[in-house]
Amino acid sequence: MATHKVVSDQDWLAAHSAHLQEEKQLTRQRDALSEKRRQLP
């Protein structure tokens, strides 16, 4: 099992925020792709 680094709250919040932004971007891309699929004849 991998161990995680121990970091400050500030470092963790910055990394978490960056990760959430990537997840949101992926969700928007998936939503756009789903919309294209719904538009297919």
N, C-alpha and C. Protein backbone atom coordinates (compact mmCIF):
# COMPACT_ATOMS: atom_id res chain seq x y z
N MET A 1 0.84 -1.17 0.00
CA MET A 1 0.00 0.00 0.00
C MET A 1 0.89 1.24 0.00
N ALA A 2 0.56 2.18 -0.85
CA ALA A 2 1.35 3.40 -0.96
C ALA A 2 1.06 4.33 0.22
N THR A 3 2.06 5.01 0.64
CA THR A 3 1.88 5.99 1.71
C THR A 3 1.80 7.38 1.11
N HIS A 4 1.11 8.25 1.77
CA HIS A 4 0.96 9.62 1.30
C HIS A 4 1.91 10.54 2.04
N LYS A 5 2.33 11.60 1.37
CA LYS A 5 3.19 12.59 2.00
C LYS A 5 2.39 13.36 3.04
N VAL A 6 3.06 13.76 4.08
CA VAL A 6 2.46 14.64 5.07
C VAL A 6 2.84 16.06 4.68
N VAL A 7 1.81 16.89 4.45
CA VAL A 7 2.05 18.26 4.01
C VAL A 7 1.22 19.21 4.86
N SER A 8 1.49 20.48 4.71
CA SER A 8 0.74 21.50 5.46
C SER A 8 -0.67 21.61 4.89
N ASP A 9 -1.55 22.19 5.69
CA ASP A 9 -2.93 22.41 5.23
C ASP A 9 -2.96 23.23 3.96
N GLN A 10 -2.11 24.25 3.90
CA GLN A 10 -2.07 25.13 2.73
C GLN A 10 -1.66 24.36 1.47
N ASP A 11 -0.64 23.52 1.58
CA ASP A 11 -0.20 22.72 0.43
C ASP A 11 -1.29 21.74 0.00
N TRP A 12 -1.97 21.14 0.98
CA TRP A 12 -3.02 20.19 0.66
C TRP A 12 -4.18 20.89 -0.04
N LEU A 13 -4.58 22.06 0.47
CA LEU A 13 -5.68 22.80 -0.14
C LEU A 13 -5.34 23.21 -1.57
N ALA A 14 -4.11 23.61 -1.81
CA ALA A 14 -3.70 24.00 -3.16
C ALA A 14 -3.75 22.80 -4.10
N ALA A 15 -3.25 21.66 -3.66
CA ALA A 15 -3.28 20.45 -4.50
C ALA A 15 -4.71 19.99 -4.72
N HIS A 16 -5.53 20.05 -3.68
CA HIS A 16 -6.93 19.62 -3.79
C HIS A 16 -7.68 20.53 -4.77
N SER A 17 -7.45 21.82 -4.67
CA SER A 17 -8.11 22.77 -5.57
C SER A 17 -7.72 22.51 -7.03
N ALA A 18 -6.45 22.26 -7.27
CA ALA A 18 -5.98 21.96 -8.63
C ALA A 18 -6.63 20.69 -9.14
N HIS A 19 -6.74 19.69 -8.27
CA HIS A 19 -7.35 18.43 -8.67
C HIS A 19 -8.83 18.63 -9.01
N LEU A 20 -9.54 19.41 -8.20
CA LEU A 20 -10.95 19.67 -8.48
C LEU A 20 -11.13 20.39 -9.81
N GLN A 21 -10.23 21.31 -10.14
CA GLN A 21 -10.32 22.01 -11.42
C GLN A 21 -10.17 21.03 -12.59
N GLU A 22 -9.25 20.08 -12.45
CA GLU A 22 -9.08 19.06 -13.50
C GLU A 22 -10.34 18.20 -13.62
N GLU A 23 -10.93 17.83 -12.49
CA GLU A 23 -12.15 17.03 -12.52
C GLU A 23 -13.29 17.80 -13.17
N LYS A 24 -13.41 19.08 -12.87
CA LYS A 24 -14.47 19.89 -13.47
C LYS A 24 -14.28 20.00 -14.97
N GLN A 25 -13.03 20.16 -15.41
CA GLN A 25 -12.74 20.24 -16.84
C GLN A 25 -13.13 18.92 -17.52
N LEU A 26 -12.79 17.81 -16.91
CA LEU A 26 -13.14 16.51 -17.47
C LEU A 26 -14.66 16.34 -17.55
N THR A 27 -15.36 16.79 -16.52
CA THR A 27 -16.82 16.69 -16.52
C THR A 27 -17.41 17.51 -17.66
N ARG A 28 -16.90 18.73 -17.88
CA ARG A 28 -17.41 19.56 -18.98
C ARG A 28 -17.13 18.90 -20.33
N GLN A 29 -15.95 18.29 -20.48
CA GLN A 29 -15.63 17.61 -21.74
C GLN A 29 -16.57 16.41 -21.96
N ARG A 30 -16.82 15.65 -20.89
CA ARG A 30 -17.71 14.50 -20.99
C ARG A 30 -19.14 14.95 -21.32
N ASP A 31 -19.58 16.05 -20.72
CA ASP A 31 -20.91 16.58 -21.01
C ASP A 31 -21.03 17.02 -22.47
N ALA A 32 -19.99 17.66 -22.98
CA ALA A 32 -19.99 18.10 -24.38
C ALA A 32 -20.02 16.90 -25.31
N LEU A 33 -19.27 15.87 -25.00
CA LEU A 33 -19.26 14.68 -25.82
C LEU A 33 -20.62 13.98 -25.79
N SER A 34 -21.24 13.93 -24.63
CA SER A 34 -22.57 13.33 -24.52
C SER A 34 -23.59 14.11 -25.34
N GLU A 35 -23.47 15.43 -25.33
CA GLU A 35 -24.39 16.25 -26.12
C GLU A 35 -24.21 15.96 -27.61
N LYS A 36 -22.98 15.81 -28.06
CA LYS A 36 -22.73 15.46 -29.47
C LYS A 36 -23.38 14.12 -29.80
N ARG A 37 -23.29 13.15 -28.90
CA ARG A 37 -23.88 11.83 -29.13
C ARG A 37 -25.40 11.96 -29.24
N ARG A 38 -26.02 12.79 -28.40
CA ARG A 38 -27.46 12.96 -28.44
C ARG A 38 -27.91 13.63 -29.74
N GLN A 39 -27.01 14.41 -30.35
CA GLN A 39 -27.34 15.12 -31.59
C GLN A 39 -27.18 14.25 -32.84
N LEU A 40 -26.63 13.06 -32.67
CA LEU A 40 -26.45 12.20 -33.83
C LEU A 40 -27.81 11.81 -34.42
N PRO A 41 -27.85 11.64 -35.74
CA PRO A 41 -29.11 11.26 -36.37
C PRO A 41 -29.56 9.86 -35.96
